[in-house]
Each structure stands twice: as structure tokens, then as C-alpha cells.
């Protein structure tokens, strides 16, 4: 978090908020609209709680669908338009977090928290079609993991520490399995934390882990453990791609195919690839596409693009009708 003033002392979180809205301001225009939403939750004793709810002690359930992946049902989500609104929601949620005193920290976080900002963009193309994209920023604060002998935890504090260490151990196991590369099973289901961070670890994402270290000799064991944890995490390799609406991605692929075929046609058909055959030496060869074949392929792909556009307009018309019915 850092300090609010002066600006150069601000931490990662407020800078992330600022960068999001600066990027929107520079890219937005008449043809592109953005929607930004924020949510804030904590995982306390393996129970999920909504930090932005009027009843933050209510327990929420994890759900999973093929389209949405893992999500928290009934989690509060607010539309935000400025950095200040993001800050206010974070401050409000922080007051609802579970904290407690230990021998090492007077205000120790006893839960993991995830502040999520979801950004959706809708771009209108010159031909009137739209392109939808969605991105998500997870700001995760993991609860501290200290030895019981140092924290002198007992009762509720000991129970909290046990749950914290179990979830951090599950996270470490997932990281090890991802780094190993040979594991066919990643144990995401071992904890609520790893299920929620599933797409952040091995999904279509870019992830940064910040390891907090103590310089004192007294913290040697914790520091060494944290460094080993971070060293494993940095070996995870992801190859993220832009999240596009499947329909938009299909249209883009069609357009790229049209461009490729037209380029082959312009070069006289020599570059296009046609059917394969076995020559007299028993080697597999590829017949070059003749001009007529390329023209046919271009026409077929363009037809598919037109069909997709018609389907898109029909769906939009049906949605408008449903909305009008609701208004009536």
C-alpha cells in the first residue's frame, strides 16, 4: 500500500489502480467503451467472506462452470470509475478483515484476501460489429506464516494459524506440480485459496509474487522458507493470450485466412498449399493451389464471415426484444 502522500511513496496497489484508469483514458474513445468492476473477499479458516457486504460474516460458496470457471456465488461487485473509488472500497473492506494480535505482530492478518478488478472493453468496428475483451487483476494478500513457538498462538489464534499453514502448504504443492511439468494432476481442490487462484497460477495470466522478508537473524528460518517458496514460484511458465469473445476470435481467424489466401492469389497461386500426394520416390509432396481453388477458398471463407455477422445481428435483435419486454 505504501503512503498516500507524497505520491512517490505510494505502493503497488494504488499504482495499479492509477495505471488501469490511465490506460483506459488513453485508449478509450468514441469507438471503445470500458466497464470496470471491483470485488473484495477474504478466506478465513477456509471460509469465504465478502468484505464489501453489509453482512461480511456471511459465508459464501465456490462454484464452477465451463464458461466462467471458478467463481464465488453472490459476491458483491461494484462499478468503479476512478482510482479514488477503488481506494475507498479497499479501505472499507480492510476494516472488515480478520486481524489479531500475536507475539510477533500486533495487527497480524489472520486471513488471505483477494481484491479483484475486472475490466471489460467493447470496441465498435467500422462495419458496425463489436469486439468484446475482458481482463482481470487479482491483488492477493496472503496471511503471514510464522512458527507457533514464536507467535505463542493458542486457542482461536492457533486454529487460525493451522488453517493458514494448510492453505499455504496447498499453494506450495500446486506451485511444485506446475514447475515439475510432469504432473498430470494439479491439486487445486486442496484449499479454497488454490481454487480461487487456479487461473492466476496455471491459467491465461501474468502473475507477480512479492516475497516479504525480515532482515533480523531471529527471522532466519522464515526468511529462508519464503525465499525457497518464491524460487519455486518464479519457475512457473505461462503463455497468456488476449481474452476475446469466441465469436470475435473466429471472425478474426476468418479474416486472417482471407488475407492469406488473397496474398497467395496475388503471387499466382504458387505459395498456397493444396492436397498432399506421394511422388514416384515415395515422398509426400504438397500440390500448389491453382488460382481457381484459391478463389473458391476465399469465397467460402467470406461466406462464413457473412454468416457469422448475420447470426450476431440476429442475437442482438433477440436480446433487444427481451430487454424491451422487461421494460414493459
C-alpha atoms as a PDB file:
ATOM      1  CA  UNK A   1       0.000   0.000   0.000  1.00  0.00           C
ATOM      2  CA  UNK A   2       2.766   2.446   0.895  1.00  0.00           C
ATOM      3  CA  UNK A   3       1.945   6.026   1.861  1.00  0.00           C
ATOM      4  CA  UNK A   4      -0.749   8.138   0.196  1.00  0.00           C
ATOM      5  CA  UNK A   5       1.418  11.266   0.303  1.00  0.00           C
ATOM      6  CA  UNK A   6       3.773  12.074  -1.273  1.00  0.00           C
ATOM      7  CA  UNK A   7       2.837  10.169  -4.479  1.00  0.00           C
ATOM      8  CA  UNK A   8       6.329   8.734  -4.942  1.00  0.00           C
ATOM      9  CA  UNK A   9       5.872   6.743  -1.716  1.00  0.00           C
ATOM     10  CA  UNK A  10       2.712   5.026  -2.913  1.00  0.00           C
ATOM     11  CA  UNK A  11       2.788   1.238  -3.013  1.00  0.00           C
ATOM     12  CA  UNK A  12       1.922  -1.328  -5.674  1.00  0.00           C
ATOM     13  CA  UNK A  13      -1.841  -1.334  -5.069  1.00  0.00           C
ATOM     14  CA  UNK A  14      -2.615   2.390  -5.558  1.00  0.00           C
ATOM     15  CA  UNK A  15      -0.205   2.496  -8.505  1.00  0.00           C
ATOM     16  CA  UNK A  16      -2.057  -0.444 -10.090  1.00  0.00           C
ATOM     17  CA  UNK A  17      -5.378   1.390  -9.728  1.00  0.00           C
ATOM     18  CA  UNK A  18      -3.877   4.509 -11.265  1.00  0.00           C
ATOM     19  CA  UNK A  19      -2.344   2.651 -14.204  1.00  0.00           C
ATOM     20  CA  UNK A  20      -5.664   0.977 -15.068  1.00  0.00           C
ATOM     21  CA  UNK A  21      -7.552   4.254 -15.387  1.00  0.00           C
ATOM     22  CA  UNK A  22      -4.669   5.981 -17.170  1.00  0.00           C
ATOM     23  CA  UNK A  23      -4.675   3.163 -19.746  1.00  0.00           C
ATOM     24  CA  UNK A  24      -8.447   3.479 -20.169  1.00  0.00           C
ATOM     25  CA  UNK A  25      -8.166   7.248 -20.636  1.00  0.00           C
ATOM     26  CA  UNK A  26      -5.501   6.835 -23.326  1.00  0.00           C
ATOM     27  CA  UNK A  27      -7.280   4.036 -25.227  1.00  0.00           C
ATOM     28  CA  UNK A  28     -10.916   4.966 -24.805  1.00  0.00           C
ATOM     29  CA  UNK A  29     -12.769   6.956 -27.440  1.00  0.00           C
ATOM     30  CA  UNK A  30     -15.919   7.122 -29.476  1.00  0.00           C
ATOM     31  CA  UNK A  31     -15.480   3.546 -30.685  1.00  0.00           C
ATOM     32  CA  UNK A  32     -14.400   1.894 -27.414  1.00  0.00           C
ATOM     33  CA  UNK A  33     -16.216   1.699 -24.086  1.00  0.00           C
ATOM     34  CA  UNK A  34     -14.936   0.287 -20.794  1.00  0.00           C
ATOM     35  CA  UNK A  35     -16.619  -1.191 -17.735  1.00  0.00           C
ATOM     36  CA  UNK A  36     -14.594  -1.603 -14.525  1.00  0.00           C
ATOM     37  CA  UNK A  37     -15.865  -3.570 -11.530  1.00  0.00           C
ATOM     38  CA  UNK A  38     -14.300  -4.319  -8.132  1.00  0.00           C
ATOM     39  CA  UNK A  39     -14.855  -7.021  -5.517  1.00  0.00           C
ATOM     40  CA  UNK A  40     -13.070  -7.886  -2.264  1.00  0.00           C
ATOM     41  CA  UNK A  41     -13.111 -11.156  -0.317  1.00  0.00           C
ATOM     42  CA  UNK A  42     -11.199 -12.949   2.402  1.00  0.00           C
ATOM     43  CA  UNK A  43     -10.573 -16.609   3.155  1.00  0.00           C
ATOM     44  CA  UNK A  44     -10.757 -17.042   6.922  1.00  0.00           C
ATOM     45  CA  UNK A  45     -10.469 -20.537   8.411  1.00  0.00           C
ATOM     46  CA  UNK A  46     -11.236 -21.960   4.939  1.00  0.00           C
ATOM     47  CA  UNK A  47     -14.447 -19.925   4.746  1.00  0.00           C
ATOM     48  CA  UNK A  48     -15.052 -17.271   2.087  1.00  0.00           C
ATOM     49  CA  UNK A  49     -16.441 -13.933   3.275  1.00  0.00           C
ATOM     50  CA  UNK A  50     -17.479 -10.859   1.278  1.00  0.00           C
ATOM     51  CA  UNK A  51     -15.590  -7.850   2.651  1.00  0.00           C
ATOM     52  CA  UNK A  52     -17.796  -5.370   0.754  1.00  0.00           C
ATOM     53  CA  UNK A  53     -21.061  -6.827   2.016  1.00  0.00           C
ATOM     54  CA  UNK A  54     -23.249  -5.315   4.730  1.00  0.00           C
ATOM     55  CA  UNK A  55     -23.007  -8.729   6.378  1.00  0.00           C
ATOM     56  CA  UNK A  56     -19.305  -9.623   5.971  1.00  0.00           C
ATOM     57  CA  UNK A  57     -19.598 -12.625   8.298  1.00  0.00           C
ATOM     58  CA  UNK A  58     -21.884 -14.475   5.882  1.00  0.00           C
ATOM     59  CA  UNK A  59     -20.203 -17.486   4.311  1.00  0.00           C
ATOM     60  CA  UNK A  60     -20.140 -17.699   0.509  1.00  0.00           C
ATOM     61  CA  UNK A  61     -19.859 -20.767  -1.701  1.00  0.00           C
ATOM     62  CA  UNK A  62     -17.455 -21.565  -4.508  1.00  0.00           C
ATOM     63  CA  UNK A  63     -18.985 -22.587  -7.824  1.00  0.00           C
ATOM     64  CA  UNK A  64     -17.529 -23.664 -11.155  1.00  0.00           C
ATOM     65  CA  UNK A  65     -18.901 -23.668 -14.694  1.00  0.00           C
ATOM     66  CA  UNK A  66     -17.228 -24.477 -18.039  1.00  0.00           C
ATOM     67  CA  UNK A  67     -17.719 -20.880 -19.238  1.00  0.00           C
ATOM     68  CA  UNK A  68     -16.934 -18.872 -16.095  1.00  0.00           C
ATOM     69  CA  UNK A  69     -14.502 -21.218 -14.382  1.00  0.00           C
ATOM     70  CA  UNK A  70     -14.268 -20.943 -10.582  1.00  0.00           C
ATOM     71  CA  UNK A  71     -16.212 -18.075  -9.029  1.00  0.00           C
ATOM     72  CA  UNK A  72     -17.804 -17.035  -5.728  1.00  0.00           C
ATOM     73  CA  UNK A  73     -21.578 -17.044  -5.802  1.00  0.00           C
ATOM     74  CA  UNK A  74     -23.326 -13.867  -4.547  1.00  0.00           C
ATOM     75  CA  UNK A  75     -20.052 -11.951  -4.189  1.00  0.00           C
ATOM     76  CA  UNK A  76     -20.670  -8.192  -4.155  1.00  0.00           C
ATOM     77  CA  UNK A  77     -19.304  -6.323  -7.171  1.00  0.00           C
ATOM     78  CA  UNK A  78     -19.216  -2.524  -7.565  1.00  0.00           C
ATOM     79  CA  UNK A  79     -18.768  -0.496 -10.744  1.00  0.00           C
ATOM     80  CA  UNK A  80     -15.838   1.898 -10.250  1.00  0.00           C
ATOM     81  CA  UNK A  81     -14.907   4.898 -12.390  1.00  0.00           C
ATOM     82  CA  UNK A  82     -11.908   6.407 -10.592  1.00  0.00           C
ATOM     83  CA  UNK A  83      -8.838   5.459  -8.589  1.00  0.00           C
ATOM     84  CA  UNK A  84     -10.397   7.137  -5.563  1.00  0.00           C
ATOM     85  CA  UNK A  85     -13.435   4.828  -5.721  1.00  0.00           C
ATOM     86  CA  UNK A  86     -11.123   1.790  -5.806  1.00  0.00           C
ATOM     87  CA  UNK A  87      -9.266   3.119  -2.752  1.00  0.00           C
ATOM     88  CA  UNK A  88     -12.491   3.722  -0.833  1.00  0.00           C
ATOM     89  CA  UNK A  89     -13.721   0.178  -1.464  1.00  0.00           C
ATOM     90  CA  UNK A  90     -10.382  -1.270  -0.400  1.00  0.00           C
ATOM     91  CA  UNK A  91     -10.360   0.805   2.801  1.00  0.00           C
ATOM     92  CA  UNK A  92     -13.937  -0.260   3.562  1.00  0.00           C
ATOM     93  CA  UNK A  93     -13.125  -3.933   3.027  1.00  0.00           C
ATOM     94  CA  UNK A  94      -9.911  -3.760   5.040  1.00  0.00           C
ATOM     95  CA  UNK A  95     -11.925  -2.743   8.114  1.00  0.00           C
ATOM     96  CA  UNK A  96     -13.884  -5.994   7.831  1.00  0.00           C
ATOM     97  CA  UNK A  97     -10.821  -8.248   7.610  1.00  0.00           C
ATOM     98  CA  UNK A  98      -9.941 -10.595  10.440  1.00  0.00           C
ATOM     99  CA  UNK A  99      -6.841  -9.363  12.264  1.00  0.00           C
ATOM    100  CA  UNK A 100      -5.458 -10.322  15.648  1.00  0.00           C
ATOM    101  CA  UNK A 101      -2.511  -9.766  17.942  1.00  0.00           C
ATOM    102  CA  UNK A 102       0.332 -12.272  18.197  1.00  0.00           C
ATOM    103  CA  UNK A 103       3.688 -12.114  19.926  1.00  0.00           C
ATOM    104  CA  UNK A 104       5.245 -11.085  16.596  1.00  0.00           C
ATOM    105  CA  UNK A 105       2.629  -8.692  15.200  1.00  0.00           C
ATOM    106  CA  UNK A 106       0.043  -6.565  16.978  1.00  0.00           C
ATOM    107  CA  UNK A 107      -2.196  -6.425  13.878  1.00  0.00           C
ATOM    108  CA  UNK A 108      -1.498  -9.726  12.168  1.00  0.00           C
ATOM    109  CA  UNK A 109      -3.709 -10.654   9.201  1.00  0.00           C
ATOM    110  CA  UNK A 110      -5.494 -13.883  10.054  1.00  0.00           C
ATOM    111  CA  UNK A 111      -6.924 -14.404   6.584  1.00  0.00           C
ATOM    112  CA  UNK A 112      -5.973 -14.345   2.918  1.00  0.00           C
ATOM    113  CA  UNK A 113      -7.614 -11.564   0.922  1.00  0.00           C
ATOM    114  CA  UNK A 114      -8.253 -11.107  -2.813  1.00  0.00           C
ATOM    115  CA  UNK A 115      -9.185  -7.707  -4.248  1.00  0.00           C
ATOM    116  CA  UNK A 116     -10.292  -8.220  -7.849  1.00  0.00           C
ATOM    117  CA  UNK A 117     -10.675  -5.600 -10.555  1.00  0.00           C
ATOM    118  CA  UNK A 118     -12.404  -6.761 -13.738  1.00  0.00           C
ATOM    119  CA  UNK A 119     -12.061  -4.664 -16.897  1.00  0.00           C
ATOM    120  CA  UNK A 120     -14.313  -5.225 -19.904  1.00  0.00           C
ATOM    121  CA  UNK A 121     -13.930  -3.371 -23.200  1.00  0.00           C
ATOM    122  CA  UNK A 122     -16.313  -3.160 -26.144  1.00  0.00           C
ATOM    123  CA  UNK A 123     -14.936  -1.855 -29.439  1.00  0.00           C
ATOM    124  CA  UNK A 124     -17.256  -0.954 -32.314  1.00  0.00           C
ATOM    125  CA  UNK A 125     -15.669  -1.629 -35.700  1.00  0.00           C
ATOM    126  CA  UNK A 126     -16.265   0.490 -38.846  1.00  0.00           C
ATOM    127  CA  UNK A 127     -18.656  -2.167 -40.188  1.00  0.00           C
ATOM    128  CA  UNK A 128     -20.820  -1.899 -37.061  1.00  0.00           C
ATOM    129  CA  UNK A 129     -19.757  -5.191 -35.461  1.00  0.00           C
ATOM    130  CA  UNK A 130     -18.383  -5.242 -31.925  1.00  0.00           C
ATOM    131  CA  UNK A 131     -15.395  -6.874 -30.260  1.00  0.00           C
ATOM    132  CA  UNK A 132     -15.552  -7.787 -26.571  1.00  0.00           C
ATOM    133  CA  UNK A 133     -12.499  -8.325 -24.380  1.00  0.00           C
ATOM    134  CA  UNK A 134     -12.150  -8.995 -20.681  1.00  0.00           C
ATOM    135  CA  UNK A 135      -9.247  -8.830 -18.249  1.00  0.00           C
ATOM    136  CA  UNK A 136      -8.916  -9.353 -14.522  1.00  0.00           C
ATOM    137  CA  UNK A 137      -6.425  -8.119 -11.920  1.00  0.00           C
ATOM    138  CA  UNK A 138      -6.192 -10.118  -8.686  1.00  0.00           C
ATOM    139  CA  UNK A 139      -4.426  -8.336  -5.814  1.00  0.00           C
ATOM    140  CA  UNK A 140      -3.747 -11.113  -3.311  1.00  0.00           C
ATOM    141  CA  UNK A 141      -2.561 -10.619   0.270  1.00  0.00           C
ATOM    142  CA  UNK A 142      -1.524 -13.920   1.823  1.00  0.00           C
ATOM    143  CA  UNK A 143      -1.757 -14.253   5.587  1.00  0.00           C
ATOM    144  CA  UNK A 144       1.539 -14.384   7.448  1.00  0.00           C
ATOM    145  CA  UNK A 145       3.004 -17.766   8.295  1.00  0.00           C
ATOM    146  CA  UNK A 146       5.099 -17.800  11.456  1.00  0.00           C
ATOM    147  CA  UNK A 147       6.163 -20.582  13.780  1.00  0.00           C
ATOM    148  CA  UNK A 148       3.808 -21.237  16.685  1.00  0.00           C
ATOM    149  CA  UNK A 149       6.709 -21.122  19.108  1.00  0.00           C
ATOM    150  CA  UNK A 150       7.369 -17.500  18.116  1.00  0.00           C
ATOM    151  CA  UNK A 151       3.789 -16.268  17.863  1.00  0.00           C
ATOM    152  CA  UNK A 152       2.804 -18.076  21.097  1.00  0.00           C
ATOM    153  CA  UNK A 153      -0.544 -18.702  19.426  1.00  0.00           C
ATOM    154  CA  UNK A 154      -3.225 -20.569  21.344  1.00  0.00           C
ATOM    155  CA  UNK A 155      -6.978 -21.052  21.155  1.00  0.00           C
ATOM    156  CA  UNK A 156      -8.506 -19.225  18.174  1.00  0.00           C
ATOM    157  CA  UNK A 157      -5.111 -17.893  17.080  1.00  0.00           C
ATOM    158  CA  UNK A 158      -3.702 -21.419  16.927  1.00  0.00           C
ATOM    159  CA  UNK A 159      -6.713 -22.620  14.916  1.00  0.00           C
ATOM    160  CA  UNK A 160      -6.264 -19.687  12.506  1.00  0.00           C
ATOM    161  CA  UNK A 161      -2.548 -20.425  12.151  1.00  0.00           C
ATOM    162  CA  UNK A 162      -3.277 -24.083  11.391  1.00  0.00           C
ATOM    163  CA  UNK A 163      -5.719 -23.184   8.606  1.00  0.00           C
ATOM    164  CA  UNK A 164      -3.319 -20.567   7.212  1.00  0.00           C
ATOM    165  CA  UNK A 165      -0.433 -23.028   7.081  1.00  0.00           C
ATOM    166  CA  UNK A 166      -2.594 -25.731   5.478  1.00  0.00           C
ATOM    167  CA  UNK A 167      -3.706 -23.400   2.670  1.00  0.00           C
ATOM    168  CA  UNK A 168      -0.174 -22.097   2.121  1.00  0.00           C
ATOM    169  CA  UNK A 169       1.059 -25.683   2.002  1.00  0.00           C
ATOM    170  CA  UNK A 170      -1.610 -26.469  -0.622  1.00  0.00           C
ATOM    171  CA  UNK A 171      -0.463 -23.444  -2.623  1.00  0.00           C
ATOM    172  CA  UNK A 172       3.123 -24.674  -2.406  1.00  0.00           C
ATOM    173  CA  UNK A 173       2.081 -28.123  -3.640  1.00  0.00           C
ATOM    174  CA  UNK A 174       0.320 -26.588  -6.650  1.00  0.00           C
ATOM    175  CA  UNK A 175       3.376 -24.493  -7.445  1.00  0.00           C
ATOM    176  CA  UNK A 176       5.629 -27.566  -7.216  1.00  0.00           C
ATOM    177  CA  UNK A 177       3.343 -29.580  -9.506  1.00  0.00           C
ATOM    178  CA  UNK A 178       3.223 -26.763 -12.077  1.00  0.00           C
ATOM    179  CA  UNK A 179       7.002 -26.317 -12.023  1.00  0.00           C
ATOM    180  CA  UNK A 180       7.586 -30.068 -12.300  1.00  0.00           C
ATOM    181  CA  UNK A 181       5.699 -30.171 -15.597  1.00  0.00           C
ATOM    182  CA  UNK A 182       5.291 -33.956 -15.385  1.00  0.00           C
ATOM    183  CA  UNK A 183       2.304 -33.940 -13.055  1.00  0.00           C
ATOM    184  CA  UNK A 184      -0.964 -34.791 -14.759  1.00  0.00           C
ATOM    185  CA  UNK A 185      -2.916 -33.614 -11.703  1.00  0.00           C
ATOM    186  CA  UNK A 186      -2.558 -30.186 -10.090  1.00  0.00           C
ATOM    187  CA  UNK A 187      -4.113 -30.273  -6.568  1.00  0.00           C
ATOM    188  CA  UNK A 188      -6.091 -27.018  -6.876  1.00  0.00           C
ATOM    189  CA  UNK A 189      -9.012 -28.502  -4.920  1.00  0.00           C
ATOM    190  CA  UNK A 190      -6.968 -28.959  -1.749  1.00  0.00           C
ATOM    191  CA  UNK A 191      -7.943 -25.491  -0.480  1.00  0.00           C
ATOM    192  CA  UNK A 192     -10.250 -22.555  -1.212  1.00  0.00           C
ATOM    193  CA  UNK A 193      -7.193 -20.369  -1.827  1.00  0.00           C
ATOM    194  CA  UNK A 194      -5.741 -22.558  -4.575  1.00  0.00           C
ATOM    195  CA  UNK A 195      -9.126 -22.973  -6.271  1.00  0.00           C
ATOM    196  CA  UNK A 196      -9.592 -19.202  -6.436  1.00  0.00           C
ATOM    197  CA  UNK A 197      -6.027 -18.694  -7.656  1.00  0.00           C
ATOM    198  CA  UNK A 198      -6.215 -21.507 -10.194  1.00  0.00           C
ATOM    199  CA  UNK A 199      -6.264 -19.202 -13.233  1.00  0.00           C
ATOM    200  CA  UNK A 200      -3.597 -16.954 -11.667  1.00  0.00           C
ATOM    201  CA  UNK A 201      -1.172 -19.858 -11.284  1.00  0.00           C
ATOM    202  CA  UNK A 202      -1.520 -22.069 -14.338  1.00  0.00           C
ATOM    203  CA  UNK A 203      -4.041 -20.188 -16.430  1.00  0.00           C
ATOM    204  CA  UNK A 204      -4.069 -17.496 -19.080  1.00  0.00           C
ATOM    205  CA  UNK A 205      -2.368 -14.898 -16.878  1.00  0.00           C
ATOM    206  CA  UNK A 206       0.708 -12.924 -15.967  1.00  0.00           C
ATOM    207  CA  UNK A 207       1.436 -13.267 -12.247  1.00  0.00           C
ATOM    208  CA  UNK A 208       3.882 -11.465  -9.960  1.00  0.00           C
ATOM    209  CA  UNK A 209       4.668 -12.764  -6.474  1.00  0.00           C
ATOM    210  CA  UNK A 210       6.174 -10.380  -3.919  1.00  0.00           C
ATOM    211  CA  UNK A 211       8.062 -12.108  -1.097  1.00  0.00           C
ATOM    212  CA  UNK A 212       8.254 -10.197   2.203  1.00  0.00           C
ATOM    213  CA  UNK A 213      11.455 -10.848   4.131  1.00  0.00           C
ATOM    214  CA  UNK A 214      12.639  -9.894   7.610  1.00  0.00           C
ATOM    215  CA  UNK A 215      16.272  -8.737   7.879  1.00  0.00           C
ATOM    216  CA  UNK A 216      16.746  -9.833  11.518  1.00  0.00           C
ATOM    217  CA  UNK A 217      18.687 -13.002  12.385  1.00  0.00           C
ATOM    218  CA  UNK A 218      15.724 -14.051  14.518  1.00  0.00           C
ATOM    219  CA  UNK A 219      13.679 -14.456  11.306  1.00  0.00           C
ATOM    220  CA  UNK A 220      16.299 -16.608   9.561  1.00  0.00           C
ATOM    221  CA  UNK A 221      14.131 -19.737   9.253  1.00  0.00           C
ATOM    222  CA  UNK A 222      11.079 -17.823   7.975  1.00  0.00           C
ATOM    223  CA  UNK A 223      13.215 -15.827   5.536  1.00  0.00           C
ATOM    224  CA  UNK A 224      14.830 -18.973   4.110  1.00  0.00           C
ATOM    225  CA  UNK A 225      11.448 -20.698   3.779  1.00  0.00           C
ATOM    226  CA  UNK A 226       9.969 -17.660   1.999  1.00  0.00           C
ATOM    227  CA  UNK A 227      12.897 -17.477  -0.427  1.00  0.00           C
ATOM    228  CA  UNK A 228      12.528 -21.158  -1.303  1.00  0.00           C
ATOM    229  CA  UNK A 229       8.799 -20.636  -1.812  1.00  0.00           C
ATOM    230  CA  UNK A 230       9.411 -17.691  -4.140  1.00  0.00           C
ATOM    231  CA  UNK A 231      12.143 -19.543  -6.024  1.00  0.00           C
ATOM    232  CA  UNK A 232       9.711 -22.330  -6.880  1.00  0.00           C
ATOM    233  CA  UNK A 233       7.005 -19.881  -7.916  1.00  0.00           C
ATOM    234  CA  UNK A 234       9.234 -17.983 -10.346  1.00  0.00           C
ATOM    235  CA  UNK A 235       9.800 -21.150 -12.361  1.00  0.00           C
ATOM    236  CA  UNK A 236       6.149 -21.377 -13.453  1.00  0.00           C
ATOM    237  CA  UNK A 237       5.882 -20.552 -17.164  1.00  0.00           C
ATOM    238  CA  UNK A 238       2.607 -19.209 -18.590  1.00  0.00           C
ATOM    239  CA  UNK A 239       1.876 -18.025 -22.135  1.00  0.00           C
ATOM    240  CA  UNK A 240      -1.080 -15.657 -21.760  1.00  0.00           C
ATOM    241  CA  UNK A 241      -3.242 -14.562 -24.692  1.00  0.00           C
ATOM    242  CA  UNK A 242      -5.765 -11.750 -25.040  1.00  0.00           C
ATOM    243  CA  UNK A 243      -9.209 -12.797 -23.821  1.00  0.00           C
ATOM    244  CA  UNK A 244     -11.591 -12.415 -26.748  1.00  0.00           C
ATOM    245  CA  UNK A 245     -15.211 -13.309 -27.205  1.00  0.00           C
ATOM    246  CA  UNK A 246     -15.093 -16.707 -29.037  1.00  0.00           C
ATOM    247  CA  UNK A 247     -17.220 -15.245 -31.850  1.00  0.00           C
ATOM    248  CA  UNK A 248     -14.780 -12.342 -32.287  1.00  0.00           C
ATOM    249  CA  UNK A 249     -11.816 -14.718 -32.310  1.00  0.00           C
ATOM    250  CA  UNK A 250     -13.485 -16.829 -35.016  1.00  0.00           C
ATOM    251  CA  UNK A 251     -14.135 -13.772 -37.196  1.00  0.00           C
ATOM    252  CA  UNK A 252     -10.548 -12.635 -36.758  1.00  0.00           C
ATOM    253  CA  UNK A 253      -9.276 -16.068 -37.822  1.00  0.00           C
ATOM    254  CA  UNK A 254     -11.526 -15.973 -40.894  1.00  0.00           C
ATOM    255  CA  UNK A 255     -10.216 -12.526 -41.821  1.00  0.00           C
ATOM    256  CA  UNK A 256      -6.616 -13.698 -41.421  1.00  0.00           C
ATOM    257  CA  UNK A 257      -7.367 -16.709 -43.642  1.00  0.00           C
ATOM    258  CA  UNK A 258      -8.905 -14.444 -46.303  1.00  0.00           C
ATOM    259  CA  UNK A 259      -5.808 -12.234 -46.233  1.00  0.00           C
ATOM    260  CA  UNK A 260      -3.517 -15.272 -46.547  1.00  0.00           C
ATOM    261  CA  UNK A 261      -5.451 -16.722 -49.492  1.00  0.00           C
ATOM    262  CA  UNK A 262      -5.614 -13.374 -51.286  1.00  0.00           C
ATOM    263  CA  UNK A 263      -1.865 -12.980 -50.818  1.00  0.00           C
ATOM    264  CA  UNK A 264      -1.343 -16.419 -52.365  1.00  0.00           C
ATOM    265  CA  UNK A 265      -3.645 -15.446 -55.242  1.00  0.00           C
ATOM    266  CA  UNK A 266      -1.677 -12.231 -55.832  1.00  0.00           C
ATOM    267  CA  UNK A 267       1.503 -14.310 -56.107  1.00  0.00           C
ATOM    268  CA  UNK A 268      -0.029 -16.504 -58.778  1.00  0.00           C
ATOM    269  CA  UNK A 269      -1.041 -19.381 -56.535  1.00  0.00           C
ATOM    270  CA  UNK A 270       2.487 -20.652 -56.023  1.00  0.00           C
ATOM    271  CA  UNK A 271       2.515 -20.124 -52.261  1.00  0.00           C
ATOM    272  CA  UNK A 272      -0.828 -21.686 -51.418  1.00  0.00           C
ATOM    273  CA  UNK A 273      -0.821 -25.301 -50.199  1.00  0.00           C
ATOM    274  CA  UNK A 274      -3.276 -27.839 -51.600  1.00  0.00           C
ATOM    275  CA  UNK A 275      -3.714 -31.599 -51.330  1.00  0.00           C
ATOM    276  CA  UNK A 276      -0.834 -33.937 -50.485  1.00  0.00           C
ATOM    277  CA  UNK A 277       0.318 -36.832 -52.691  1.00  0.00           C
ATOM    278  CA  UNK A 278       3.103 -39.422 -52.760  1.00  0.00           C
ATOM    279  CA  UNK A 279       5.621 -38.978 -55.576  1.00  0.00           C
ATOM    280  CA  UNK A 280       7.481 -41.689 -57.503  1.00  0.00           C
ATOM    281  CA  UNK A 281      10.194 -41.751 -54.845  1.00  0.00           C
ATOM    282  CA  UNK A 282       7.668 -42.449 -52.098  1.00  0.00           C
ATOM    283  CA  UNK A 283       7.956 -38.965 -50.589  1.00  0.00           C
ATOM    284  CA  UNK A 284       4.938 -36.914 -49.526  1.00  0.00           C
ATOM    285  CA  UNK A 285       4.525 -33.734 -51.588  1.00  0.00           C
ATOM    286  CA  UNK A 286       2.029 -30.848 -51.452  1.00  0.00           C
ATOM    287  CA  UNK A 287       0.265 -29.702 -54.597  1.00  0.00           C
ATOM    288  CA  UNK A 288       0.274 -25.914 -55.032  1.00  0.00           C
ATOM    289  CA  UNK A 289      -3.194 -24.399 -55.073  1.00  0.00           C
ATOM    290  CA  UNK A 290      -4.194 -23.259 -58.530  1.00  0.00           C
ATOM    291  CA  UNK A 291      -5.816 -19.870 -58.929  1.00  0.00           C
ATOM    292  CA  UNK A 292      -9.374 -21.257 -59.207  1.00  0.00           C
ATOM    293  CA  UNK A 293      -9.001 -23.181 -55.949  1.00  0.00           C
ATOM    294  CA  UNK A 294      -7.751 -20.101 -54.112  1.00  0.00           C
ATOM    295  CA  UNK A 295     -10.669 -18.034 -55.400  1.00  0.00           C
ATOM    296  CA  UNK A 296     -13.091 -20.738 -54.224  1.00  0.00           C
ATOM    297  CA  UNK A 297     -11.470 -20.812 -50.780  1.00  0.00           C
ATOM    298  CA  UNK A 298     -11.668 -17.025 -50.466  1.00  0.00           C
ATOM    299  CA  UNK A 299     -15.346 -17.074 -51.434  1.00  0.00           C
ATOM    300  CA  UNK A 300     -16.121 -19.862 -48.944  1.00  0.00           C
ATOM    301  CA  UNK A 301     -14.355 -18.113 -46.063  1.00  0.00           C
ATOM    302  CA  UNK A 302     -16.042 -14.805 -46.891  1.00  0.00           C
ATOM    303  CA  UNK A 303     -19.396 -16.607 -46.853  1.00  0.00           C
ATOM    304  CA  UNK A 304     -18.631 -17.969 -43.384  1.00  0.00           C
ATOM    305  CA  UNK A 305     -17.761 -14.461 -42.182  1.00  0.00           C
ATOM    306  CA  UNK A 306     -21.051 -13.124 -43.542  1.00  0.00           C
ATOM    307  CA  UNK A 307     -22.974 -15.935 -41.838  1.00  0.00           C
ATOM    308  CA  UNK A 308     -21.304 -15.092 -38.519  1.00  0.00           C
ATOM    309  CA  UNK A 309     -22.252 -11.426 -38.931  1.00  0.00           C
ATOM    310  CA  UNK A 310     -25.873 -12.327 -39.668  1.00  0.00           C
ATOM    311  CA  UNK A 311     -26.010 -14.613 -36.610  1.00  0.00           C
ATOM    312  CA  UNK A 312     -24.538 -11.823 -34.478  1.00  0.00           C
ATOM    313  CA  UNK A 313     -27.213  -9.360 -35.648  1.00  0.00           C
ATOM    314  CA  UNK A 314     -29.999 -11.886 -35.004  1.00  0.00           C
ATOM    315  CA  UNK A 315     -28.733 -12.482 -31.456  1.00  0.00           C
ATOM    316  CA  UNK A 316     -28.509  -8.727 -30.809  1.00  0.00           C
ATOM    317  CA  UNK A 317     -32.077  -8.286 -32.094  1.00  0.00           C
ATOM    318  CA  UNK A 318     -33.337 -11.073 -29.796  1.00  0.00           C
ATOM    319  CA  UNK A 319     -31.582  -9.505 -26.805  1.00  0.00           C
ATOM    320  CA  UNK A 320     -33.145  -6.110 -27.567  1.00  0.00           C
ATOM    321  CA  UNK A 321     -36.591  -7.701 -27.759  1.00  0.00           C
ATOM    322  CA  UNK A 322     -36.083  -9.385 -24.385  1.00  0.00           C
ATOM    323  CA  UNK A 323     -34.925  -6.102 -22.822  1.00  0.00           C
ATOM    324  CA  UNK A 324     -37.959  -4.268 -24.238  1.00  0.00           C
ATOM    325  CA  UNK A 325     -40.240  -6.928 -22.730  1.00  0.00           C
ATOM    326  CA  UNK A 326     -38.618  -6.422 -19.331  1.00  0.00           C
ATOM    327  CA  UNK A 327     -39.059  -2.641 -19.567  1.00  0.00           C
ATOM    328  CA  UNK A 328     -42.733  -3.015 -20.480  1.00  0.00           C
END
